[in-house]
N, C-alpha and C. Protein backbone atom coordinates (compact mmCIF):
# COMPACT_ATOMS: atom_id res chain seq x y z
N MET A 1 71.95 -42.25 -71.99
CA MET A 1 72.18 -41.16 -71.18
C MET A 1 72.96 -41.10 -69.82
N GLU A 2 73.62 -40.22 -69.47
CA GLU A 2 74.48 -40.39 -68.30
C GLU A 2 74.23 -39.05 -67.50
N ILE A 3 74.42 -39.12 -66.36
CA ILE A 3 74.10 -38.27 -65.23
C ILE A 3 75.05 -38.12 -64.15
N ALA A 4 75.66 -36.96 -63.86
CA ALA A 4 76.70 -36.82 -62.85
C ALA A 4 76.17 -37.32 -61.49
N PRO A 5 76.90 -37.72 -60.72
CA PRO A 5 76.46 -38.39 -59.46
C PRO A 5 75.87 -37.27 -58.55
N THR A 6 76.60 -36.05 -58.47
CA THR A 6 76.08 -34.99 -57.83
C THR A 6 74.65 -34.33 -58.25
N ALA A 7 74.38 -34.78 -59.52
CA ALA A 7 73.27 -34.06 -60.05
C ALA A 7 71.81 -34.46 -59.11
N ALA A 8 70.93 -33.62 -59.18
CA ALA A 8 69.60 -34.24 -58.67
C ALA A 8 69.27 -35.32 -59.38
N CYS A 9 68.76 -36.20 -58.41
CA CYS A 9 67.92 -37.51 -58.90
C CYS A 9 66.92 -37.32 -59.72
N PRO A 10 66.73 -38.07 -60.94
CA PRO A 10 65.59 -37.72 -61.73
C PRO A 10 64.22 -38.36 -61.27
N CYS A 11 64.26 -39.03 -60.14
CA CYS A 11 63.16 -39.38 -59.43
C CYS A 11 62.36 -38.17 -58.52
N GLY A 12 62.98 -37.20 -58.44
CA GLY A 12 62.57 -35.97 -57.71
C GLY A 12 62.55 -36.14 -56.44
N SER A 13 63.38 -36.97 -55.65
CA SER A 13 63.29 -37.16 -54.42
C SER A 13 64.13 -36.06 -53.60
N ARG A 14 64.69 -34.85 -54.39
CA ARG A 14 65.53 -34.01 -53.82
C ARG A 14 66.91 -34.41 -53.24
N PHE A 15 67.06 -35.61 -53.52
CA PHE A 15 68.67 -36.28 -53.15
C PHE A 15 69.36 -36.18 -54.18
N SER A 16 70.77 -36.36 -54.20
CA SER A 16 71.51 -36.31 -55.38
C SER A 16 71.31 -37.76 -55.99
N TYR A 17 71.65 -38.03 -57.07
CA TYR A 17 71.55 -39.47 -57.88
C TYR A 17 72.33 -40.27 -57.11
N ALA A 18 73.68 -39.88 -56.72
CA ALA A 18 74.63 -40.77 -56.18
C ALA A 18 74.05 -41.39 -54.85
N THR A 19 73.32 -40.60 -54.06
CA THR A 19 72.86 -41.07 -52.65
C THR A 19 71.49 -41.52 -52.84
N CYS A 20 70.65 -41.57 -54.00
CA CYS A 20 69.31 -42.02 -54.08
C CYS A 20 69.13 -43.31 -54.89
N CYS A 21 69.08 -43.17 -56.37
CA CYS A 21 68.76 -44.40 -57.05
C CYS A 21 70.01 -44.73 -57.65
N ALA A 22 71.29 -44.40 -57.65
CA ALA A 22 72.39 -44.89 -58.20
C ALA A 22 72.62 -46.29 -57.31
N PRO A 23 72.59 -46.30 -56.09
CA PRO A 23 72.88 -47.60 -55.69
C PRO A 23 72.21 -48.69 -55.70
N ILE A 24 70.86 -48.34 -55.97
CA ILE A 24 70.09 -49.33 -56.33
C ILE A 24 70.26 -49.67 -57.82
N HIS A 25 70.67 -48.93 -58.75
CA HIS A 25 70.82 -49.32 -60.03
C HIS A 25 71.86 -50.04 -60.34
N VAL A 26 72.84 -50.16 -59.28
CA VAL A 26 74.16 -51.06 -59.50
C VAL A 26 73.81 -52.39 -58.71
N ALA A 27 72.65 -52.31 -57.51
CA ALA A 27 72.35 -53.44 -57.23
C ALA A 27 70.81 -53.47 -56.77
N PRO A 28 70.07 -53.91 -57.79
CA PRO A 28 68.45 -54.02 -57.60
C PRO A 28 67.98 -54.40 -55.89
N GLY A 29 68.75 -55.37 -55.45
CA GLY A 29 68.25 -55.87 -54.34
C GLY A 29 68.40 -54.88 -53.17
N ARG A 30 69.04 -53.80 -53.37
CA ARG A 30 69.21 -52.63 -52.28
C ARG A 30 67.87 -51.80 -52.13
N ALA A 31 66.90 -52.13 -52.95
CA ALA A 31 65.89 -51.03 -52.67
C ALA A 31 65.03 -51.62 -51.54
N PRO A 32 65.03 -50.99 -50.46
CA PRO A 32 64.43 -51.20 -49.40
C PRO A 32 62.80 -51.50 -49.43
N THR A 33 62.21 -50.77 -50.34
CA THR A 33 60.69 -50.61 -50.29
C THR A 33 60.41 -50.68 -51.67
N PRO A 34 58.95 -50.79 -51.93
CA PRO A 34 58.39 -50.80 -53.45
C PRO A 34 58.56 -49.29 -53.72
N GLU A 35 58.42 -48.29 -53.07
CA GLU A 35 58.51 -46.87 -53.56
C GLU A 35 59.94 -46.68 -53.91
N ALA A 36 61.05 -47.15 -53.26
CA ALA A 36 62.31 -46.95 -53.62
C ALA A 36 62.74 -47.59 -54.94
N LEU A 37 62.17 -48.93 -55.16
CA LEU A 37 62.46 -49.43 -56.50
C LEU A 37 61.59 -48.86 -57.31
N MET A 38 60.48 -48.22 -57.20
CA MET A 38 59.66 -47.46 -58.11
C MET A 38 60.40 -46.11 -58.64
N ARG A 39 60.88 -45.53 -57.75
CA ARG A 39 61.81 -44.41 -58.18
C ARG A 39 62.98 -44.59 -58.92
N ALA A 40 63.67 -45.93 -58.48
CA ALA A 40 64.91 -46.11 -59.47
C ALA A 40 64.37 -46.58 -60.77
N ARG A 41 63.24 -47.06 -60.83
CA ARG A 41 62.87 -47.71 -62.24
C ARG A 41 62.50 -46.33 -62.88
N PHE A 42 61.71 -45.46 -62.54
CA PHE A 42 61.48 -44.00 -63.02
C PHE A 42 62.92 -43.45 -63.68
N SER A 43 63.84 -43.41 -62.75
CA SER A 43 65.30 -42.89 -63.10
C SER A 43 65.66 -43.83 -64.11
N ALA A 44 65.73 -45.17 -64.16
CA ALA A 44 66.10 -45.99 -65.18
C ALA A 44 65.56 -45.72 -66.37
N PHE A 45 64.15 -45.36 -66.59
CA PHE A 45 63.35 -44.92 -67.76
C PHE A 45 64.06 -43.65 -68.24
N VAL A 46 64.33 -42.63 -67.49
CA VAL A 46 64.90 -41.46 -67.80
C VAL A 46 66.37 -41.68 -68.44
N LEU A 47 67.07 -42.48 -67.78
CA LEU A 47 68.44 -42.80 -68.41
C LEU A 47 68.75 -43.81 -69.39
N ALA A 48 67.31 -44.51 -69.60
CA ALA A 48 67.50 -45.63 -70.52
C ALA A 48 68.28 -46.96 -70.14
N ASP A 49 68.42 -47.28 -68.95
CA ASP A 49 69.08 -48.02 -68.23
C ASP A 49 68.30 -49.38 -68.32
N ASN A 50 68.02 -50.13 -69.61
CA ASN A 50 67.35 -51.26 -69.75
C ASN A 50 67.84 -52.28 -69.00
N ASP A 51 69.23 -52.54 -68.49
CA ASP A 51 69.62 -53.43 -67.86
C ASP A 51 68.84 -53.58 -66.39
N PHE A 52 68.96 -52.55 -65.98
CA PHE A 52 68.55 -52.39 -64.44
C PHE A 52 66.88 -52.82 -64.66
N LEU A 53 66.14 -52.12 -65.63
CA LEU A 53 64.76 -52.48 -65.92
C LEU A 53 64.43 -54.02 -65.90
N ILE A 54 65.25 -54.64 -66.69
CA ILE A 54 65.17 -55.98 -66.89
C ILE A 54 65.40 -56.61 -65.35
N ALA A 55 66.33 -56.31 -64.72
CA ALA A 55 66.69 -57.01 -63.29
C ALA A 55 65.79 -56.67 -62.31
N SER A 56 64.91 -55.58 -62.50
CA SER A 56 64.06 -55.56 -61.41
C SER A 56 62.48 -55.75 -61.50
N TRP A 57 62.55 -56.29 -62.71
CA TRP A 57 61.03 -56.85 -63.08
C TRP A 57 60.84 -58.21 -62.76
N ALA A 58 59.84 -58.68 -62.32
CA ALA A 58 59.50 -59.82 -61.98
C ALA A 58 59.55 -60.84 -63.24
N PRO A 59 60.06 -61.87 -63.10
CA PRO A 59 60.24 -62.82 -64.14
C PRO A 59 59.04 -63.16 -65.06
N GLU A 60 58.12 -63.32 -64.18
CA GLU A 60 56.62 -63.94 -64.92
C GLU A 60 56.18 -62.82 -65.57
N THR A 61 56.50 -61.36 -65.36
CA THR A 61 55.69 -60.28 -66.20
C THR A 61 56.84 -59.53 -67.14
N ARG A 62 58.23 -60.06 -66.95
CA ARG A 62 59.18 -59.09 -67.60
C ARG A 62 59.00 -59.23 -69.22
N PRO A 63 59.07 -57.97 -69.84
CA PRO A 63 59.02 -58.19 -71.43
C PRO A 63 60.51 -58.48 -71.98
N SER A 64 60.54 -58.67 -73.03
CA SER A 64 62.02 -58.90 -73.48
C SER A 64 62.42 -57.75 -73.81
N ARG A 65 63.94 -57.86 -73.96
CA ARG A 65 64.85 -56.71 -74.01
C ARG A 65 64.70 -55.90 -75.28
N ALA A 66 64.22 -56.49 -76.23
CA ALA A 66 63.72 -55.92 -77.55
C ALA A 66 62.57 -54.93 -77.53
N GLU A 67 61.49 -55.39 -76.42
CA GLU A 67 60.45 -54.46 -76.33
C GLU A 67 60.86 -53.16 -75.46
N LEU A 68 61.99 -53.32 -74.76
CA LEU A 68 62.19 -51.99 -74.11
C LEU A 68 63.26 -51.24 -74.88
N GLY A 69 63.69 -51.92 -76.12
CA GLY A 69 64.77 -50.99 -76.96
C GLY A 69 64.27 -49.87 -77.63
N GLU A 70 63.00 -49.76 -77.79
CA GLU A 70 62.13 -48.73 -78.45
C GLU A 70 62.62 -47.33 -77.80
N PRO A 71 62.85 -46.39 -78.47
CA PRO A 71 63.03 -44.91 -77.74
C PRO A 71 61.78 -44.77 -77.21
N GLY A 72 61.47 -44.31 -75.96
CA GLY A 72 60.05 -44.06 -75.49
C GLY A 72 60.07 -42.55 -75.04
N PRO A 73 59.02 -42.08 -74.52
CA PRO A 73 58.70 -40.75 -74.01
C PRO A 73 60.03 -40.22 -73.31
N HIS A 74 60.29 -38.85 -73.27
CA HIS A 74 61.38 -38.43 -72.51
C HIS A 74 60.58 -37.89 -71.08
N TRP A 75 60.80 -38.89 -70.09
CA TRP A 75 60.29 -38.69 -68.95
C TRP A 75 61.05 -37.39 -68.31
N ARG A 76 60.09 -36.52 -67.63
CA ARG A 76 60.48 -35.21 -66.81
C ARG A 76 60.24 -35.21 -65.48
N ARG A 77 59.21 -35.75 -64.83
CA ARG A 77 58.76 -35.49 -63.71
C ARG A 77 57.89 -36.82 -63.03
N LEU A 78 58.18 -36.92 -61.69
CA LEU A 78 57.52 -38.00 -61.17
C LEU A 78 56.73 -37.64 -59.64
N ILE A 79 55.74 -37.91 -59.50
CA ILE A 79 54.92 -37.52 -58.40
C ILE A 79 54.30 -38.90 -57.63
N VAL A 80 55.14 -39.11 -56.63
CA VAL A 80 54.46 -40.30 -55.74
C VAL A 80 53.33 -39.90 -54.97
N GLU A 81 52.19 -40.55 -55.14
CA GLU A 81 50.94 -40.03 -54.55
C GLU A 81 50.81 -40.85 -53.26
N ALA A 82 50.90 -42.01 -53.21
CA ALA A 82 50.93 -43.11 -52.01
C ALA A 82 51.60 -44.71 -52.31
N SER A 83 51.82 -44.95 -51.21
CA SER A 83 52.62 -46.22 -51.24
C SER A 83 52.27 -47.20 -49.86
N GLU A 84 52.36 -48.26 -50.35
CA GLU A 84 52.35 -49.22 -49.02
C GLU A 84 52.99 -50.58 -49.11
N HIS A 85 53.34 -51.06 -48.26
CA HIS A 85 53.83 -52.64 -48.30
C HIS A 85 53.79 -53.35 -46.96
N GLY A 86 53.70 -54.70 -47.33
CA GLY A 86 54.02 -55.70 -46.32
C GLY A 86 55.25 -56.39 -46.46
N ALA A 87 55.48 -57.59 -45.88
CA ALA A 87 56.55 -58.29 -45.94
C ALA A 87 56.93 -58.83 -47.30
N ASP A 88 55.84 -59.25 -48.07
CA ASP A 88 56.20 -59.81 -49.37
C ASP A 88 55.37 -59.06 -50.50
N GLN A 89 54.80 -58.17 -50.32
CA GLN A 89 53.89 -57.26 -51.34
C GLN A 89 53.89 -56.05 -51.24
N GLY A 90 53.51 -55.16 -51.99
CA GLY A 90 53.43 -53.68 -51.87
C GLY A 90 52.95 -53.12 -53.40
N TRP A 91 52.50 -51.71 -53.19
CA TRP A 91 51.90 -50.96 -54.28
C TRP A 91 52.46 -49.66 -54.15
N VAL A 92 52.36 -48.90 -55.27
CA VAL A 92 53.06 -47.44 -55.31
C VAL A 92 51.91 -46.65 -56.30
N ARG A 93 51.31 -45.74 -56.02
CA ARG A 93 50.44 -44.86 -56.88
C ARG A 93 51.30 -43.79 -57.31
N PHE A 94 51.42 -43.45 -58.61
CA PHE A 94 52.28 -42.48 -58.94
C PHE A 94 51.78 -41.67 -60.34
N ARG A 95 52.39 -40.51 -60.51
CA ARG A 95 51.95 -39.86 -61.63
C ARG A 95 53.39 -39.34 -62.32
N ALA A 96 53.31 -39.90 -63.53
CA ALA A 96 54.70 -39.54 -64.16
C ALA A 96 54.44 -38.84 -65.55
N ILE A 97 55.36 -37.71 -65.69
CA ILE A 97 54.89 -36.80 -66.76
C ILE A 97 55.97 -36.92 -67.88
N ALA A 98 55.75 -36.74 -69.05
CA ALA A 98 56.60 -37.19 -69.93
C ALA A 98 56.40 -36.28 -71.13
N ARG A 99 57.50 -36.12 -71.97
CA ARG A 99 57.50 -35.13 -73.26
C ARG A 99 57.64 -35.67 -74.37
N GLN A 100 56.90 -35.89 -75.68
CA GLN A 100 57.28 -36.38 -76.72
C GLN A 100 57.16 -35.43 -77.78
N PRO A 101 57.71 -35.60 -78.86
CA PRO A 101 57.71 -34.60 -79.90
C PRO A 101 56.49 -33.99 -80.23
N ASP A 102 55.34 -34.74 -80.06
CA ASP A 102 54.16 -34.18 -80.48
C ASP A 102 52.93 -33.73 -78.99
N GLY A 103 53.94 -33.58 -77.77
CA GLY A 103 53.21 -32.94 -76.84
C GLY A 103 53.68 -33.67 -75.58
N TRP A 104 52.77 -33.49 -74.47
CA TRP A 104 52.93 -33.87 -73.18
C TRP A 104 52.02 -35.08 -72.94
N LEU A 105 52.56 -36.04 -71.98
CA LEU A 105 51.71 -37.32 -71.67
C LEU A 105 51.74 -37.23 -70.18
N ALA A 106 50.59 -37.81 -69.49
CA ALA A 106 50.81 -38.22 -68.06
C ALA A 106 50.43 -39.72 -67.94
N LEU A 107 51.16 -40.35 -67.18
CA LEU A 107 50.89 -41.68 -66.76
C LEU A 107 50.40 -41.76 -65.46
N ASP A 108 49.32 -42.31 -65.12
CA ASP A 108 48.77 -42.26 -63.80
C ASP A 108 48.75 -43.83 -63.51
N GLU A 109 49.45 -44.48 -62.59
CA GLU A 109 49.61 -45.94 -62.37
C GLU A 109 49.58 -46.03 -60.99
N THR A 110 48.94 -47.43 -60.60
CA THR A 110 49.26 -48.05 -59.38
C THR A 110 49.88 -49.43 -59.80
N SER A 111 51.09 -49.37 -59.31
CA SER A 111 52.12 -50.45 -59.60
C SER A 111 51.98 -51.56 -58.63
N ARG A 112 52.23 -52.75 -58.84
CA ARG A 112 52.29 -53.78 -57.72
C ARG A 112 53.61 -54.35 -57.76
N PHE A 113 54.14 -54.73 -56.51
CA PHE A 113 55.54 -55.31 -56.31
C PHE A 113 55.51 -56.59 -55.65
N ARG A 114 56.28 -57.34 -55.61
CA ARG A 114 56.51 -58.52 -55.12
C ARG A 114 57.84 -58.61 -54.41
N HIS A 115 58.07 -59.16 -53.08
CA HIS A 115 59.39 -59.24 -52.68
C HIS A 115 59.69 -60.89 -52.57
N ALA A 116 60.75 -61.16 -53.07
CA ALA A 116 61.23 -62.70 -53.16
C ALA A 116 62.65 -62.60 -53.57
N ASP A 117 63.21 -63.57 -53.22
CA ASP A 117 64.73 -63.90 -53.18
C ASP A 117 65.43 -62.60 -52.70
N GLY A 118 64.79 -62.21 -51.45
CA GLY A 118 65.65 -60.91 -50.94
C GLY A 118 65.80 -59.73 -51.43
N GLN A 119 64.74 -59.59 -52.52
CA GLN A 119 64.69 -58.23 -53.15
C GLN A 119 63.16 -58.02 -53.67
N TRP A 120 62.91 -56.71 -53.86
CA TRP A 120 61.85 -56.37 -54.57
C TRP A 120 61.66 -56.30 -56.00
N TYR A 121 60.42 -56.62 -56.61
CA TYR A 121 60.29 -56.82 -58.10
C TYR A 121 59.10 -56.03 -58.58
N TYR A 122 59.25 -55.38 -59.61
CA TYR A 122 58.01 -54.90 -60.14
C TYR A 122 57.18 -56.00 -61.00
N LEU A 123 55.97 -55.95 -60.53
CA LEU A 123 54.98 -57.26 -61.19
C LEU A 123 54.27 -56.57 -62.36
N ASP A 124 53.46 -55.59 -62.06
CA ASP A 124 52.49 -55.12 -63.05
C ASP A 124 52.00 -53.83 -62.60
N GLY A 125 51.01 -53.22 -63.61
CA GLY A 125 50.38 -52.03 -62.91
C GLY A 125 49.28 -51.69 -63.76
N ASP A 126 48.15 -51.03 -63.17
CA ASP A 126 47.03 -50.47 -63.76
C ASP A 126 47.32 -49.20 -64.14
N ALA A 127 47.52 -48.97 -65.40
CA ALA A 127 47.97 -47.64 -66.11
C ALA A 127 46.76 -47.02 -66.78
N GLU A 128 46.83 -45.85 -66.60
CA GLU A 128 45.88 -44.70 -67.49
C GLU A 128 46.73 -43.65 -67.96
N TRP A 129 46.84 -43.38 -69.39
CA TRP A 129 47.33 -42.45 -70.20
C TRP A 129 46.50 -41.22 -70.51
N GLN A 130 47.12 -40.05 -70.37
CA GLN A 130 46.28 -39.12 -71.09
C GLN A 130 47.36 -37.91 -71.78
N ARG A 131 46.97 -37.47 -72.71
CA ARG A 131 47.44 -36.28 -73.20
C ARG A 131 47.33 -35.01 -72.27
N LEU A 132 48.23 -34.17 -72.15
CA LEU A 132 48.24 -32.83 -71.52
C LEU A 132 48.17 -31.74 -72.40
N ARG A 133 47.33 -30.82 -72.27
CA ARG A 133 47.17 -29.47 -73.03
C ARG A 133 48.09 -28.67 -72.11
N VAL A 134 49.02 -28.24 -73.03
CA VAL A 134 50.00 -27.14 -72.14
C VAL A 134 50.12 -26.05 -73.01
N GLY A 135 49.51 -24.80 -72.50
CA GLY A 135 49.60 -23.55 -73.13
C GLY A 135 51.17 -23.00 -72.92
N ARG A 136 51.61 -22.16 -73.99
CA ARG A 136 52.95 -21.46 -73.75
C ARG A 136 53.07 -20.92 -72.38
N ASN A 137 52.08 -20.21 -72.22
CA ASN A 137 52.38 -19.29 -70.68
C ASN A 137 51.74 -20.00 -69.54
N ALA A 138 51.37 -21.54 -69.76
CA ALA A 138 51.30 -22.30 -68.61
C ALA A 138 52.31 -22.70 -67.79
N PRO A 139 52.37 -23.16 -66.62
CA PRO A 139 53.60 -23.71 -65.95
C PRO A 139 54.00 -24.86 -66.57
N CYS A 140 55.33 -24.97 -66.68
CA CYS A 140 55.72 -26.15 -67.30
C CYS A 140 55.30 -27.58 -66.47
N PRO A 141 54.98 -28.57 -67.07
CA PRO A 141 54.65 -29.87 -66.49
C PRO A 141 55.65 -30.40 -65.77
N CYS A 142 57.07 -30.09 -66.34
CA CYS A 142 58.21 -30.65 -65.48
C CYS A 142 58.44 -30.35 -64.06
N GLY A 143 57.79 -29.21 -63.64
CA GLY A 143 57.75 -28.73 -62.24
C GLY A 143 58.79 -27.92 -61.76
N SER A 144 59.47 -27.32 -63.13
CA SER A 144 60.56 -26.44 -62.71
C SER A 144 59.82 -25.06 -62.23
N GLY A 145 58.71 -24.56 -62.40
CA GLY A 145 58.15 -23.24 -61.81
C GLY A 145 58.29 -22.32 -62.92
N PHE A 146 58.90 -22.62 -64.22
CA PHE A 146 59.04 -21.94 -65.27
C PHE A 146 57.67 -22.08 -66.17
N LYS A 147 57.38 -20.85 -66.88
CA LYS A 147 56.57 -21.10 -67.96
C LYS A 147 56.92 -22.28 -69.04
N ALA A 148 56.01 -22.99 -69.67
CA ALA A 148 56.33 -23.94 -70.44
C ALA A 148 57.30 -23.25 -71.75
N LYS A 149 57.05 -22.16 -72.21
CA LYS A 149 57.64 -21.47 -73.43
C LYS A 149 59.35 -21.19 -73.08
N ARG A 150 59.45 -20.99 -71.78
CA ARG A 150 60.63 -20.84 -71.22
C ARG A 150 61.56 -22.20 -70.69
N CYS A 151 60.77 -23.36 -70.90
CA CYS A 151 61.52 -24.50 -70.39
C CYS A 151 61.35 -25.36 -71.32
N CYS A 152 60.62 -26.61 -70.99
CA CYS A 152 60.54 -27.74 -71.79
C CYS A 152 59.86 -27.41 -73.07
N GLY A 153 59.28 -26.41 -73.29
CA GLY A 153 58.58 -25.91 -74.53
C GLY A 153 59.35 -25.66 -75.43
N ARG A 154 60.71 -25.57 -75.27
CA ARG A 154 61.65 -25.14 -76.23
C ARG A 154 62.40 -26.41 -76.85
N ASP A 155 62.27 -27.63 -76.30
CA ASP A 155 62.92 -28.68 -76.93
C ASP A 155 62.45 -29.19 -78.26
């Protein structure tokens, strides 16, 4: 999937993709904090940028490229709840909302990051998945402000 540089960044930062996650996608070492790397990783999942995902994953926990090759959920929204970091480690707690053919999913995760070799790496996370029940007249989980039937519910 491609995204115009002037389009809103998929990570939900309210900045353009060109000024937010795109520079980190080009050089993973540019992520100044675990939160910036986590936002870039979310955008990479949206854009199916497996090269970036592999490059930003700590070698000791990195999956094979084949494991990332499967089409996953269509990620729609990221909500960063909290983050903290020191010189060589950090964490980010977030909620990510996704759409699949059979409905909506929410991923609540606290991700752990490690700083080594001059860059942040995703290490692992404690994840909890849940199905979301979304009625046609409910607000769309993507955060658009529209009703689900007028927004992502049409996919």
